[in-house]
PDB file of N, CA and C in Angstrom:
ATOM      1  N   UNK A   1       0.855  -1.185   0.000  1.00  0.00           N
ATOM      2  CA  UNK A   1       0.000   0.000   0.000  1.00  0.00           C
ATOM      3  C   UNK A   1       0.900   1.246   0.000  1.00  0.00           C
ATOM      4  N   UNK A   2       0.563   2.183  -0.859  1.00  0.00           N
ATOM      5  CA  UNK A   2       1.369   3.397  -0.961  1.00  0.00           C
ATOM      6  C   UNK A   2       0.997   4.393   0.135  1.00  0.00           C
ATOM      7  N   UNK A   3       2.000   5.104   0.620  1.00  0.00           N
ATOM      8  CA  UNK A   3       1.766   6.122   1.643  1.00  0.00           C
ATOM      9  C   UNK A   3       1.169   7.373   1.002  1.00  0.00           C
ATOM     10  N   UNK A   4       0.677   8.290   1.829  1.00  0.00           N
ATOM     11  CA  UNK A   4       0.153   9.566   1.330  1.00  0.00           C
ATOM     12  C   UNK A   4       1.213  10.321   0.548  1.00  0.00           C
ATOM     13  N   UNK A   5       2.445  10.288   1.046  1.00  0.00           N
ATOM     14  CA  UNK A   5       3.547  10.988   0.382  1.00  0.00           C
ATOM     15  C   UNK A   5       3.823  10.385  -0.994  1.00  0.00           C
ATOM     16  N   UNK A   6       3.806   9.055  -1.071  1.00  0.00           N
ATOM     17  CA  UNK A   6       4.031   8.393  -2.356  1.00  0.00           C
ATOM     18  C   UNK A   6       2.904   8.723  -3.344  1.00  0.00           C
ATOM     19  N   UNK A   7       1.677   8.692  -2.847  1.00  0.00           N
ATOM     20  CA  UNK A   7       0.541   9.029  -3.718  1.00  0.00           C
ATOM     21  C   UNK A   7       0.642  10.461  -4.221  1.00  0.00           C
ATOM     22  N   UNK A   8       1.061  11.368  -3.341  1.00  0.00           N
ATOM     23  CA  UNK A   8       1.233  12.770  -3.728  1.00  0.00           C
ATOM     24  C   UNK A   8       2.330  12.895  -4.783  1.00  0.00           C
ATOM     25  N   UNK A   9       3.412  12.137  -4.622  1.00  0.00           N
ATOM     26  CA  UNK A   9       4.496  12.125  -5.609  1.00  0.00           C
ATOM     27  C   UNK A   9       3.957  11.717  -6.985  1.00  0.00           C
ATOM     28  N   UNK A  10       3.200  10.621  -7.028  1.00  0.00           N
ATOM     29  CA  UNK A  10       2.681  10.132  -8.301  1.00  0.00           C
ATOM     30  C   UNK A  10       1.627  11.082  -8.879  1.00  0.00           C
ATOM     31  N   UNK A  11       0.840  11.690  -8.017  1.00  0.00           N
ATOM     32  CA  UNK A  11      -0.150  12.667  -8.488  1.00  0.00           C
ATOM     33  C   UNK A  11       0.561  13.850  -9.156  1.00  0.00           C
ATOM     34  N   UNK A  12       1.605  14.356  -8.532  1.00  0.00           N
ATOM     35  CA  UNK A  12       2.372  15.462  -9.109  1.00  0.00           C
ATOM     36  C   UNK A  12       3.043  15.043 -10.414  1.00  0.00           C
ATOM     37  N   UNK A  13       3.636  13.851 -10.429  1.00  0.00           N
ATOM     38  CA  UNK A  13       4.301  13.335 -11.626  1.00  0.00           C
ATOM     39  C   UNK A  13       3.306  13.219 -12.784  1.00  0.00           C
ATOM     40  N   UNK A  14       2.154  12.645 -12.515  1.00  0.00           N
ATOM     41  CA  UNK A  14       1.142  12.466 -13.555  1.00  0.00           C
ATOM     42  C   UNK A  14       0.602  13.812 -14.047  1.00  0.00           C
ATOM     43  N   UNK A  15       0.370  14.738 -13.128  1.00  0.00           N
ATOM     44  CA  UNK A  15      -0.121  16.063 -13.541  1.00  0.00           C
ATOM     45  C   UNK A  15       0.918  16.796 -14.391  1.00  0.00           C
ATOM     46  N   UNK A  16       2.186  16.644 -14.047  1.00  0.00           N
ATOM     47  CA  UNK A  16       3.258  17.270 -14.828  1.00  0.00           C
ATOM     48  C   UNK A  16       3.293  16.673 -16.246  1.00  0.00           C
ATOM     49  N   UNK A  17       3.211  15.350 -16.344  1.00  0.00           N
ATOM     50  CA  UNK A  17       3.199  14.698 -17.660  1.00  0.00           C
ATOM     51  C   UNK A  17       1.989  15.148 -18.467  1.00  0.00           C
ATOM     52  N   UNK A  18       0.846  15.270 -17.806  1.00  0.00           N
ATOM     53  CA  UNK A  18      -0.375  15.693 -18.476  1.00  0.00           C
ATOM     54  C   UNK A  18      -0.233  17.109 -19.043  1.00  0.00           C
ATOM     55  N   UNK A  19       0.307  18.011 -18.245  1.00  0.00           N
ATOM     56  CA  UNK A  19       0.511  19.393 -18.708  1.00  0.00           C
ATOM     57  C   UNK A  19       1.442  19.447 -19.911  1.00  0.00           C
ATOM     58  N   UNK A  20       2.526  18.669 -19.865  1.00  0.00           N
ATOM     59  CA  UNK A  20       3.477  18.645 -20.984  1.00  0.00           C
ATOM     60  C   UNK A  20       2.811  18.132 -22.258  1.00  0.00           C
ATOM     61  N   UNK A  21       2.040  17.052 -22.133  1.00  0.00           N
ATOM     62  CA  UNK A  21       1.375  16.487 -23.303  1.00  0.00           C
ATOM     63  C   UNK A  21       0.338  17.448 -23.875  1.00  0.00           C
ATOM     64  N   UNK A  22      -0.432  18.082 -23.002  1.00  0.00           N
ATOM     65  CA  UNK A  22      -1.443  19.027 -23.484  1.00  0.00           C
ATOM     66  C   UNK A  22      -0.778  20.222 -24.165  1.00  0.00           C
ATOM     67  N   UNK A  23       0.374  20.636 -23.668  1.00  0.00           N
ATOM     68  CA  UNK A  23       1.119  21.720 -24.308  1.00  0.00           C
ATOM     69  C   UNK A  23       1.582  21.333 -25.697  1.00  0.00           C
ATOM     70  N   UNK A  24       2.022  20.079 -25.863  1.00  0.00           N
ATOM     71  CA  UNK A  24       2.452  19.589 -27.180  1.00  0.00           C
ATOM     72  C   UNK A  24       1.283  19.544 -28.154  1.00  0.00           C
ATOM     73  N   UNK A  25       0.116  19.120 -27.673  1.00  0.00           N
ATOM     74  CA  UNK A  25      -1.073  19.056 -28.527  1.00  0.00           C
ATOM     75  C   UNK A  25      -1.406  20.449 -29.051  1.00  0.00           C
ATOM     76  N   UNK A  26      -1.417  21.433 -28.171  1.00  0.00           N
ATOM     77  CA  UNK A  26      -1.731  22.805 -28.586  1.00  0.00           C
ATOM     78  C   UNK A  26      -0.692  23.338 -29.565  1.00  0.00           C
ATOM     79  N   UNK A  27       0.574  22.999 -29.338  1.00  0.00           N
ATOM     80  CA  UNK A  27       1.648  23.442 -30.226  1.00  0.00           C
ATOM     81  C   UNK A  27       1.453  22.834 -31.619  1.00  0.00           C
ATOM     82  N   UNK A  28       1.092  21.561 -31.679  1.00  0.00           N
ATOM     83  CA  UNK A  28       0.895  20.893 -32.964  1.00  0.00           C
ATOM     84  C   UNK A  28      -0.227  21.542 -33.748  1.00  0.00           C
ATOM     85  N   UNK A  29      -1.321  21.854 -33.074  1.00  0.00           N
ATOM     86  CA  UNK A  29      -2.451  22.480 -33.757  1.00  0.00           C
ATOM     87  C   UNK A  29      -2.033  23.812 -34.359  1.00  0.00           C
ATOM     88  N   UNK A  30      -1.313  24.637 -33.596  1.00  0.00           N
ATOM     89  CA  UNK A  30      -0.905  25.936 -34.122  1.00  0.00           C
ATOM     90  C   UNK A  30       0.152  25.775 -35.214  1.00  0.00           C
ATOM     91  N   UNK A  31       1.065  24.798 -35.072  1.00  0.00           N
ATOM     92  CA  UNK A  31       2.069  24.562 -36.113  1.00  0.00           C
ATOM     93  C   UNK A  31       1.420  24.120 -37.419  1.00  0.00           C
ATOM     94  N   UNK A  32       0.426  23.255 -37.334  1.00  0.00           N
ATOM     95  CA  UNK A  32      -0.230  22.767 -38.550  1.00  0.00           C
ATOM     96  C   UNK A  32      -1.035  23.883 -39.215  1.00  0.00           C
ATOM     97  N   UNK A  33      -1.568  24.774 -38.424  1.00  0.00           N
ATOM     98  CA  UNK A  33      -2.294  25.911 -38.982  1.00  0.00           C
ATOM     99  C   UNK A  33      -1.330  26.834 -39.729  1.00  0.00           C
ATOM    100  N   UNK A  34      -0.115  26.983 -39.199  1.00  0.00           N
ATOM    101  CA  UNK A  34       0.892  27.838 -39.827  1.00  0.00           C
ATOM    102  C   UNK A  34       1.438  27.239 -41.118  1.00  0.00           C
ATOM    103  N   UNK A  35       1.357  25.912 -41.273  1.00  0.00           N
ATOM    104  CA  UNK A  35       1.935  25.229 -42.426  1.00  0.00           C
ATOM    105  C   UNK A  35       1.022  25.225 -43.651  1.00  0.00           C
ATOM    106  N   UNK A  36      -0.075  25.910 -43.601  1.00  0.00           N
ATOM    107  CA  UNK A  36      -1.037  25.863 -44.695  1.00  0.00           C
ATOM    108  C   UNK A  36      -0.627  26.662 -45.923  1.00  0.00           C
ATOM    109  N   UNK A  37       0.652  26.955 -46.050  1.00  0.00           N
ATOM    110  CA  UNK A  37       1.119  27.710 -47.194  1.00  0.00           C
ATOM    111  C   UNK A  37       0.962  26.861 -48.452  1.00  0.00           C
ATOM    112  N   UNK A  38       0.807  27.559 -49.574  1.00  0.00           N
ATOM    113  CA  UNK A  38       0.707  26.875 -50.852  1.00  0.00           C
ATOM    114  C   UNK A  38       2.104  26.478 -51.306  1.00  0.00           C
ATOM    115  N   UNK A  39       2.336  25.183 -51.478  1.00  0.00           N
ATOM    116  CA  UNK A  39       3.649  24.692 -51.902  1.00  0.00           C
ATOM    117  C   UNK A  39       3.534  24.158 -53.319  1.00  0.00           C
ATOM    118  N   UNK A  40       4.074  24.885 -54.288  1.00  0.00           N
ATOM    119  CA  UNK A  40       3.956  24.433 -55.677  1.00  0.00           C
ATOM    120  C   UNK A  40       4.809  23.201 -55.987  1.00  0.00           C
ATOM    121  N   UNK A  41       5.905  23.009 -55.269  1.00  0.00           N
ATOM    122  CA  UNK A  41       6.786  21.879 -55.553  1.00  0.00           C
ATOM    123  C   UNK A  41       6.202  20.591 -54.962  1.00  0.00           C
ATOM    124  N   UNK A  42       5.935  19.592 -55.810  1.00  0.00           N
ATOM    125  CA  UNK A  42       5.321  18.342 -55.322  1.00  0.00           C
ATOM    126  C   UNK A  42       6.163  17.627 -54.261  1.00  0.00           C
ATOM    127  N   UNK A  43       7.484  17.664 -54.393  1.00  0.00           N
ATOM    128  CA  UNK A  43       8.300  16.956 -53.393  1.00  0.00           C
ATOM    129  C   UNK A  43       8.242  17.670 -52.040  1.00  0.00           C
ATOM    130  N   UNK A  44       8.166  19.016 -52.052  1.00  0.00           N
ATOM    131  CA  UNK A  44       8.014  19.751 -50.795  1.00  0.00           C
ATOM    132  C   UNK A  44       6.667  19.427 -50.153  1.00  0.00           C
ATOM    133  N   UNK A  45       5.632  19.368 -50.973  1.00  0.00           N
ATOM    134  CA  UNK A  45       4.293  19.029 -50.458  1.00  0.00           C
ATOM    135  C   UNK A  45       4.281  17.620 -49.878  1.00  0.00           C
ATOM    136  N   UNK A  46       4.925  16.693 -50.585  1.00  0.00           N
ATOM    137  CA  UNK A  46       4.976  15.299 -50.124  1.00  0.00           C
ATOM    138  C   UNK A  46       5.721  15.191 -48.802  1.00  0.00           C
ATOM    139  N   UNK A  47       6.825  15.923 -48.685  1.00  0.00           N
ATOM    140  CA  UNK A  47       7.593  15.915 -47.436  1.00  0.00           C
ATOM    141  C   UNK A  47       6.757  16.473 -46.298  1.00  0.00           C
ATOM    142  N   UNK A  48       6.069  17.585 -46.558  1.00  0.00           N
ATOM    143  CA  UNK A  48       5.213  18.194 -45.541  1.00  0.00           C
ATOM    144  C   UNK A  48       4.119  17.217 -45.105  1.00  0.00           C
ATOM    145  N   UNK A  49       3.474  16.550 -46.066  1.00  0.00           N
ATOM    146  CA  UNK A  49       2.417  15.589 -45.731  1.00  0.00           C
ATOM    147  C   UNK A  49       2.969  14.412 -44.933  1.00  0.00           C
ATOM    148  N   UNK A  50       4.137  13.929 -45.303  1.00  0.00           N
ATOM    149  CA  UNK A  50       4.767  12.828 -44.578  1.00  0.00           C
ATOM    150  C   UNK A  50       5.062  13.245 -43.134  1.00  0.00           C
ATOM    151  N   UNK A  51       5.617  14.444 -42.984  1.00  0.00           N
ATOM    152  CA  UNK A  51       5.912  14.963 -41.642  1.00  0.00           C
ATOM    153  C   UNK A  51       4.634  15.115 -40.825  1.00  0.00           C
ATOM    154  N   UNK A  52       3.582  15.613 -41.457  1.00  0.00           N
ATOM    155  CA  UNK A  52       2.304  15.778 -40.755  1.00  0.00           C
ATOM    156  C   UNK A  52       1.749  14.442 -40.303  1.00  0.00           C
ATOM    157  N   UNK A  53       1.801  13.446 -41.183  1.00  0.00           N
ATOM    158  CA  UNK A  53       1.291  12.122 -40.821  1.00  0.00           C
ATOM    159  C   UNK A  53       2.061  11.530 -39.656  1.00  0.00           C
ATOM    160  N   UNK A  54       3.364  11.693 -39.678  1.00  0.00           N
ATOM    161  CA  UNK A  54       4.195  11.204 -38.571  1.00  0.00           C
ATOM    162  C   UNK A  54       3.815  11.916 -37.274  1.00  0.00           C
ATOM    163  N   UNK A  55       3.685  13.232 -37.354  1.00  0.00           N
ATOM    164  CA  UNK A  55       3.312  14.028 -36.177  1.00  0.00           C
ATOM    165  C   UNK A  55       1.944  13.608 -35.660  1.00  0.00           C
ATOM    166  N   UNK A  56       1.008  13.373 -36.556  1.00  0.00           N
ATOM    167  CA  UNK A  56      -0.336  12.968 -36.127  1.00  0.00           C
ATOM    168  C   UNK A  56      -0.323  11.595 -35.456  1.00  0.00           C
ATOM    169  N   UNK A  57       0.527  10.684 -35.937  1.00  0.00           N
ATOM    170  CA  UNK A  57       0.634   9.369 -35.273  1.00  0.00           C
ATOM    171  C   UNK A  57       1.181   9.526 -33.861  1.00  0.00           C
ATOM    172  N   UNK A  58       2.193  10.386 -33.718  1.00  0.00           N
ATOM    173  CA  UNK A  58       2.743  10.640 -32.383  1.00  0.00           C
ATOM    174  C   UNK A  58       1.673  11.253 -31.489  1.00  0.00           C
ATOM    175  N   UNK A  59       0.949  12.235 -32.008  1.00  0.00           N
ATOM    176  CA  UNK A  59      -0.089  12.899 -31.209  1.00  0.00           C
ATOM    177  C   UNK A  59      -1.206  11.928 -30.839  1.00  0.00           C
ATOM    178  N   UNK A  60      -1.508  10.960 -31.714  1.00  0.00           N
ATOM    179  CA  UNK A  60      -2.528   9.972 -31.383  1.00  0.00           C
ATOM    180  C   UNK A  60      -2.065   9.117 -30.204  1.00  0.00           C
ATOM    181  N   UNK A  61      -0.789   8.737 -30.208  1.00  0.00           N
ATOM    182  CA  UNK A  61      -0.245   7.996 -29.053  1.00  0.00           C
ATOM    183  C   UNK A  61      -0.319   8.839 -27.792  1.00  0.00           C
ATOM    184  N   UNK A  62       0.015  10.119 -27.942  1.00  0.00           N
ATOM    185  CA  UNK A  62      -0.033  11.014 -26.787  1.00  0.00           C
ATOM    186  C   UNK A  62      -1.469  11.190 -26.290  1.00  0.00           C
ATOM    187  N   UNK A  63      -2.426  11.236 -27.222  1.00  0.00           N
ATOM    188  CA  UNK A  63      -3.834  11.357 -26.839  1.00  0.00           C
ATOM    189  C   UNK A  63      -4.255  10.155 -25.992  1.00  0.00           C
ATOM    190  N   UNK A  64      -3.817   8.963 -26.420  1.00  0.00           N
ATOM    191  CA  UNK A  64      -4.129   7.755 -25.656  1.00  0.00           C
ATOM    192  C   UNK A  64      -3.463   7.806 -24.281  1.00  0.00           C
ATOM    193  N   UNK A  65      -2.225   8.311 -24.235  1.00  0.00           N
ATOM    194  CA  UNK A  65      -1.516   8.423 -22.958  1.00  0.00           C
ATOM    195  C   UNK A  65      -2.209   9.426 -22.042  1.00  0.00           C
ATOM    196  N   UNK A  66      -2.733  10.508 -22.616  1.00  0.00           N
ATOM    197  CA  UNK A  66      -3.479  11.493 -21.813  1.00  0.00           C
ATOM    198  C   UNK A  66      -4.652  10.808 -21.120  1.00  0.00           C
ATOM    199  N   UNK A  67      -5.371   9.959 -21.846  1.00  0.00           N
ATOM    200  CA  UNK A  67      -6.480   9.212 -21.253  1.00  0.00           C
ATOM    201  C   UNK A  67      -6.025   8.308 -20.127  1.00  0.00           C
ATOM    202  N   UNK A  68      -4.877   7.644 -20.333  1.00  0.00           N
ATOM    203  CA  UNK A  68      -4.354   6.754 -19.287  1.00  0.00           C
ATOM    204  C   UNK A  68      -3.912   7.548 -18.060  1.00  0.00           C
ATOM    205  N   UNK A  69      -3.338   8.727 -18.288  1.00  0.00           N
ATOM    206  CA  UNK A  69      -2.928   9.574 -17.158  1.00  0.00           C
ATOM    207  C   UNK A  69      -4.148  10.016 -16.368  1.00  0.00           C
ATOM    208  N   UNK A  70      -5.194  10.421 -17.058  1.00  0.00           N
ATOM    209  CA  UNK A  70      -6.426  10.839 -16.370  1.00  0.00           C
ATOM    210  C   UNK A  70      -7.027   9.679 -15.581  1.00  0.00           C
ATOM    211  N   UNK A  71      -6.986   8.481 -16.165  1.00  0.00           N
ATOM    212  CA  UNK A  71      -7.473   7.296 -15.456  1.00  0.00           C
ATOM    213  C   UNK A  71      -6.641   7.033 -14.200  1.00  0.00           C
ATOM    214  N   UNK A  72      -5.308   7.187 -14.308  1.00  0.00           N
ATOM    215  CA  UNK A  72      -4.430   6.966 -13.154  1.00  0.00           C
ATOM    216  C   UNK A  72      -4.721   7.982 -12.057  1.00  0.00           C
ATOM    217  N   UNK A  73      -4.951   9.231 -12.444  1.00  0.00           N
ATOM    218  CA  UNK A  73      -5.294  10.263 -11.455  1.00  0.00           C
ATOM    219  C   UNK A  73      -6.615   9.929 -10.762  1.00  0.00           C
ATOM    220  N   UNK A  74      -7.571   9.385 -11.520  1.00  0.00           N
ATOM    221  CA  UNK A  74      -8.845   8.956 -10.914  1.00  0.00           C
ATOM    222  C   UNK A  74      -8.617   7.811  -9.934  1.00  0.00           C
ATOM    223  N   UNK A  75      -7.698   6.893 -10.288  1.00  0.00           N
ATOM    224  CA  UNK A  75      -7.402   5.778  -9.371  1.00  0.00           C
ATOM    225  C   UNK A  75      -6.761   6.281  -8.089  1.00  0.00           C
ATOM    226  N   UNK A  76      -5.952   7.343  -8.184  1.00  0.00           N
ATOM    227  CA  UNK A  76      -5.369   7.929  -6.967  1.00  0.00           C
ATOM    228  C   UNK A  76      -6.502   8.447  -6.083  1.00  0.00           C
ATOM    229  N   UNK A  77      -7.453   9.153  -6.692  1.00  0.00           N
ATOM    230  CA  UNK A  77      -8.578   9.711  -5.918  1.00  0.00           C
ATOM    231  C   UNK A  77      -9.466   8.614  -5.330  1.00  0.00           C
ATOM    232  N   UNK A  78      -9.649   7.523  -6.065  1.00  0.00           N
ATOM    233  CA  UNK A  78     -10.545   6.465  -5.587  1.00  0.00           C
ATOM    234  C   UNK A  78      -9.861   5.469  -4.657  1.00  0.00           C
ATOM    235  N   UNK A  79      -8.518   5.578  -4.533  1.00  0.00           N
ATOM    236  CA  UNK A  79      -7.800   4.684  -3.633  1.00  0.00           C
ATOM    237  C   UNK A  79      -7.387   3.362  -4.253  1.00  0.00           C
ATOM    238  N   UNK A  80      -7.476   3.239  -5.582  1.00  0.00           N
ATOM    239  CA  UNK A  80      -7.101   1.980  -6.235  1.00  0.00           C
ATOM    240  C   UNK A  80      -5.784   2.084  -6.995  1.00  0.00           C
ATOM    241  N   UNK A  81      -5.129   3.243  -6.949  1.00  0.00           N
ATOM    242  CA  UNK A  81      -3.846   3.415  -7.647  1.00  0.00           C
ATOM    243  C   UNK A  81      -2.797   2.528  -7.002  1.00  0.00           C
ATOM    244  N   UNK A  82      -2.008   1.842  -7.852  1.00  0.00           N
ATOM    245  CA  UNK A  82      -0.937   0.991  -7.331  1.00  0.00           C
ATOM    246  C   UNK A  82      -1.392  -0.409  -6.974  1.00  0.00           C
ATOM    247  N   UNK A  83      -2.637  -0.746  -7.306  1.00  0.00           N
ATOM    248  CA  UNK A  83      -3.163  -2.085  -7.050  1.00  0.00           C
ATOM    249  C   UNK A  83      -3.423  -2.748  -8.395  1.00  0.00           C
ATOM    250  N   UNK A  84      -2.865  -3.925  -8.590  1.00  0.00           N
ATOM    251  CA  UNK A  84      -3.009  -4.651  -9.853  1.00  0.00           C
ATOM    252  C   UNK A  84      -4.472  -4.980 -10.102  1.00  0.00           C
ATOM    253  N   UNK A  85      -4.945  -4.643 -11.292  1.00  0.00           N
ATOM    254  CA  UNK A  85      -6.357  -4.917 -11.595  1.00  0.00           C
ATOM    255  C   UNK A  85      -6.613  -6.394 -11.878  1.00  0.00           C
ATOM    256  N   UNK A  86      -5.554  -7.178 -12.029  1.00  0.00           N
ATOM    257  CA  UNK A  86      -5.725  -8.602 -12.294  1.00  0.00           C
ATOM    258  C   UNK A  86      -5.676  -9.431 -11.009  1.00  0.00           C
ATOM    259  N   UNK A  87      -4.578  -9.305 -10.248  1.00  0.00           N
ATOM    260  CA  UNK A  87      -4.416 -10.137  -9.045  1.00  0.00           C
ATOM    261  C   UNK A  87      -4.729  -9.379  -7.751  1.00  0.00           C
ATOM    262  N   UNK A  88      -4.921  -8.071  -7.855  1.00  0.00           N
ATOM    263  CA  UNK A  88      -5.250  -7.183  -6.734  1.00  0.00           C
ATOM    264  C   UNK A  88      -4.133  -7.064  -5.696  1.00  0.00           C
ATOM    265  N   UNK A  89      -2.914  -7.441  -6.094  1.00  0.00           N
ATOM    266  CA  UNK A  89      -1.740  -7.240  -5.238  1.00  0.00           C
ATOM    267  C   UNK A  89      -1.182  -5.849  -5.503  1.00  0.00           C
ATOM    268  N   UNK A  90      -0.315  -5.379  -4.614  1.00  0.00           N
ATOM    269  CA  UNK A  90       0.324  -4.080  -4.816  1.00  0.00           C
ATOM    270  C   UNK A  90       1.282  -4.129  -5.999  1.00  0.00           C
ATOM    271  N   UNK A  91       1.285  -3.072  -6.799  1.00  0.00           N
ATOM    272  CA  UNK A  91       2.257  -2.907  -7.875  1.00  0.00           C
ATOM    273  C   UNK A  91       3.486  -2.257  -7.239  1.00  0.00           C
ATOM    274  N   UNK A  92       4.676  -2.741  -7.575  1.00  0.00           N
ATOM    275  CA  UNK A  92       5.886  -2.217  -6.948  1.00  0.00           C
ATOM    276  C   UNK A  92       6.080  -0.734  -7.272  1.00  0.00           C
ATOM    277  N   UNK A  93       6.672  -0.036  -6.319  1.00  0.00           N
ATOM    278  CA  UNK A  93       6.933   1.396  -6.513  1.00  0.00           C
ATOM    279  C   UNK A  93       7.876   1.605  -7.699  1.00  0.00           C
ATOM    280  N   UNK A  94       8.833   0.700  -7.891  1.00  0.00           N
ATOM    281  CA  UNK A  94       9.762   0.808  -9.027  1.00  0.00           C
ATOM    282  C   UNK A  94       8.999   0.760 -10.347  1.00  0.00           C
ATOM    283  N   UNK A  95       8.056  -0.155 -10.445  1.00  0.00           N
ATOM    284  CA  UNK A  95       7.257  -0.282 -11.682  1.00  0.00           C
ATOM    285  C   UNK A  95       6.421   0.970 -11.885  1.00  0.00           C
ATOM    286  N   UNK A  96       5.829   1.477 -10.821  1.00  0.00           N
ATOM    287  CA  UNK A  96       5.009   2.686 -10.934  1.00  0.00           C
ATOM    288  C   UNK A  96       5.859   3.893 -11.343  1.00  0.00           C
ATOM    289  N   UNK A  97       7.086   3.958 -10.857  1.00  0.00           N
ATOM    290  CA  UNK A  97       7.959   5.065 -11.261  1.00  0.00           C
ATOM    291  C   UNK A  97       8.317   4.961 -12.745  1.00  0.00           C
ATOM    292  N   UNK A  98       8.528   3.736 -13.212  1.00  0.00           N
ATOM    293  CA  UNK A  98       8.862   3.533 -14.622  1.00  0.00           C
ATOM    294  C   UNK A  98       7.657   3.772 -15.524  1.00  0.00           C
ATOM    295  N   UNK A  99       6.481   3.391 -15.060  1.00  0.00           N
ATOM    296  CA  UNK A  99       5.249   3.525 -15.854  1.00  0.00           C
ATOM    297  C   UNK A  99       4.083   3.814 -14.913  1.00  0.00           C
ATOM    298  N   UNK A 100       3.921   5.079 -14.535  1.00  0.00           N
ATOM    299  CA  UNK A 100       2.904   5.410 -13.529  1.00  0.00           C
ATOM    300  C   UNK A 100       1.457   5.159 -13.971  1.00  0.00           C
ATOM    301  N   UNK A 101       1.223   4.961 -15.267  1.00  0.00           N
ATOM    302  CA  UNK A 101      -0.143   4.708 -15.725  1.00  0.00           C
ATOM    303  C   UNK A 101      -0.503   3.225 -15.708  1.00  0.00           C
ATOM    304  N   UNK A 102       0.447   2.375 -15.313  1.00  0.00           N
ATOM    305  CA  UNK A 102       0.209   0.937 -15.353  1.00  0.00           C
ATOM    306  C   UNK A 102      -0.942   0.519 -14.441  1.00  0.00           C
ATOM    307  N   UNK A 103      -1.612  -0.540 -14.854  1.00  0.00           N
ATOM    308  CA  UNK A 103      -2.685  -1.098 -14.023  1.00  0.00           C
ATOM    309  C   UNK A 103      -2.385  -2.552 -13.646  1.00  0.00           C
ATOM    310  N   UNK A 104      -1.223  -3.050 -14.095  1.00  0.00           N
ATOM    311  CA  UNK A 104      -0.855  -4.437 -13.822  1.00  0.00           C
ATOM    312  C   UNK A 104       0.504  -4.509 -13.138  1.00  0.00           C
ATOM    313  N   UNK A 105       0.633  -5.447 -12.191  1.00  0.00           N
ATOM    314  CA  UNK A 105       1.939  -5.707 -11.598  1.00  0.00           C
ATOM    315  C   UNK A 105       2.813  -6.375 -12.667  1.00  0.00           C
ATOM    316  N   UNK A 106       4.085  -6.468 -12.419  1.00  0.00           N
ATOM    317  CA  UNK A 106       5.005  -7.001 -13.431  1.00  0.00           C
ATOM    318  C   UNK A 106       4.684  -8.458 -13.769  1.00  0.00           C
ATOM    319  N   UNK A 107       4.307  -9.255 -12.788  1.00  0.00           N
ATOM    320  CA  UNK A 107       4.000 -10.663 -13.054  1.00  0.00           C
ATOM    321  C   UNK A 107       2.778 -10.814 -13.954  1.00  0.00           C
ATOM    322  N   UNK A 108       1.734 -10.052 -13.673  1.00  0.00           N
ATOM    323  CA  UNK A 108       0.518 -10.126 -14.491  1.00  0.00           C
ATOM    324  C   UNK A 108       0.766  -9.558 -15.889  1.00  0.00           C
ATOM    325  N   UNK A 109       1.605  -8.538 -15.992  1.00  0.00           N
ATOM    326  CA  UNK A 109       1.938  -7.969 -17.294  1.00  0.00           C
ATOM    327  C   UNK A 109       2.713  -8.984 -18.131  1.00  0.00           C
ATOM    328  N   UNK A 110       3.671  -9.685 -17.493  1.00  0.00           N
ATOM    329  CA  UNK A 110       4.431 -10.714 -18.213  1.00  0.00           C
ATOM    330  C   UNK A 110       3.499 -11.822 -18.692  1.00  0.00           C
ATOM    331  N   UNK A 111       2.582 -12.225 -17.831  1.00  0.00           N
ATOM    332  CA  UNK A 111       1.631 -13.272 -18.196  1.00  0.00           C
ATOM    333  C   UNK A 111       0.764 -12.815 -19.376  1.00  0.00           C
ATOM    334  N   UNK A 112       0.315 -11.564 -19.345  1.00  0.00           N
ATOM    335  CA  UNK A 112      -0.483 -11.012 -20.437  1.00  0.00           C
ATOM    336  C   UNK A 112       0.309 -11.013 -21.753  1.00  0.00           C
ATOM    337  N   UNK A 113       1.578 -10.595 -21.687  1.00  0.00           N
ATOM    338  CA  UNK A 113       2.418 -10.562 -22.890  1.00  0.00           C
ATOM    339  C   UNK A 113       2.667 -11.969 -23.423  1.00  0.00           C
ATOM    340  N   UNK A 114       2.876 -12.931 -22.526  1.00  0.00           N
ATOM    341  CA  UNK A 114       3.086 -14.319 -22.948  1.00  0.00           C
ATOM    342  C   UNK A 114       1.843 -14.857 -23.649  1.00  0.00           C
ATOM    343  N   UNK A 115       0.665 -14.540 -23.107  1.00  0.00           N
ATOM    344  CA  UNK A 115      -0.587 -14.984 -23.730  1.00  0.00           C
ATOM    345  C   UNK A 115      -0.769 -14.347 -25.105  1.00  0.00           C
ATOM    346  N   UNK A 116      -0.374 -13.073 -25.239  1.00  0.00           N
ATOM    347  CA  UNK A 116      -0.471 -12.396 -26.538  1.00  0.00           C
ATOM    348  C   UNK A 116       0.474 -13.018 -27.558  1.00  0.00           C
ATOM    349  N   UNK A 117       1.670 -13.427 -27.099  1.00  0.00           N
ATOM    350  CA  UNK A 117       2.633 -14.085 -28.008  1.00  0.00           C
ATOM    351  C   UNK A 117       2.062 -15.404 -28.510  1.00  0.00           C
ATOM    352  N   UNK A 118       1.446 -16.161 -27.597  1.00  0.00           N
ATOM    353  CA  UNK A 118       0.875 -17.468 -27.968  1.00  0.00           C
ATOM    354  C   UNK A 118      -0.250 -17.262 -28.981  1.00  0.00           C
ATOM    355  N   UNK A 119      -1.109 -16.274 -28.768  1.00  0.00           N
ATOM    356  CA  UNK A 119      -2.200 -15.998 -29.694  1.00  0.00           C
ATOM    357  C   UNK A 119      -1.679 -15.507 -31.031  1.00  0.00           C
ATOM    358  N   UNK A 120      -0.547 -14.800 -31.008  1.00  0.00           N
ATOM    359  CA  UNK A 120       0.031 -14.240 -32.220  1.00  0.00           C
ATOM    360  C   UNK A 120       0.649 -15.283 -33.135  1.00  0.00           C
ATOM    361  N   UNK A 121       0.984 -16.444 -32.591  1.00  0.00           N
ATOM    362  CA  UNK A 121       1.640 -17.478 -33.402  1.00  0.00           C
ATOM    363  C   UNK A 121       0.690 -18.502 -33.899  1.00  0.00           C
TER     364      UNK A 121
END
């Protein structure tokens, strides 16, 4: 079970990550608005489109991470943060520091990955 101090640490960490991600989203929107110049050269246009697609894929991952961060913050408020949703054991503090949005302890995560490998073959 995490102490109040540990929970506060993770709450601050998650809020900081959330602010950074939201700042990147806003920056991307304004950057894409600025890029609407007419580019007569097809290779320049193609490069711009390729860059935009790459940026949008990154932002989509970040959007998903924003959702996971919000879910983790809700778990802190509800008292379920740091508890594995599969086995209901405590998730190690080391694992939470490495991936604060996790909902599985390392053993359950390994088991999940092993099952996915078996299904994939």
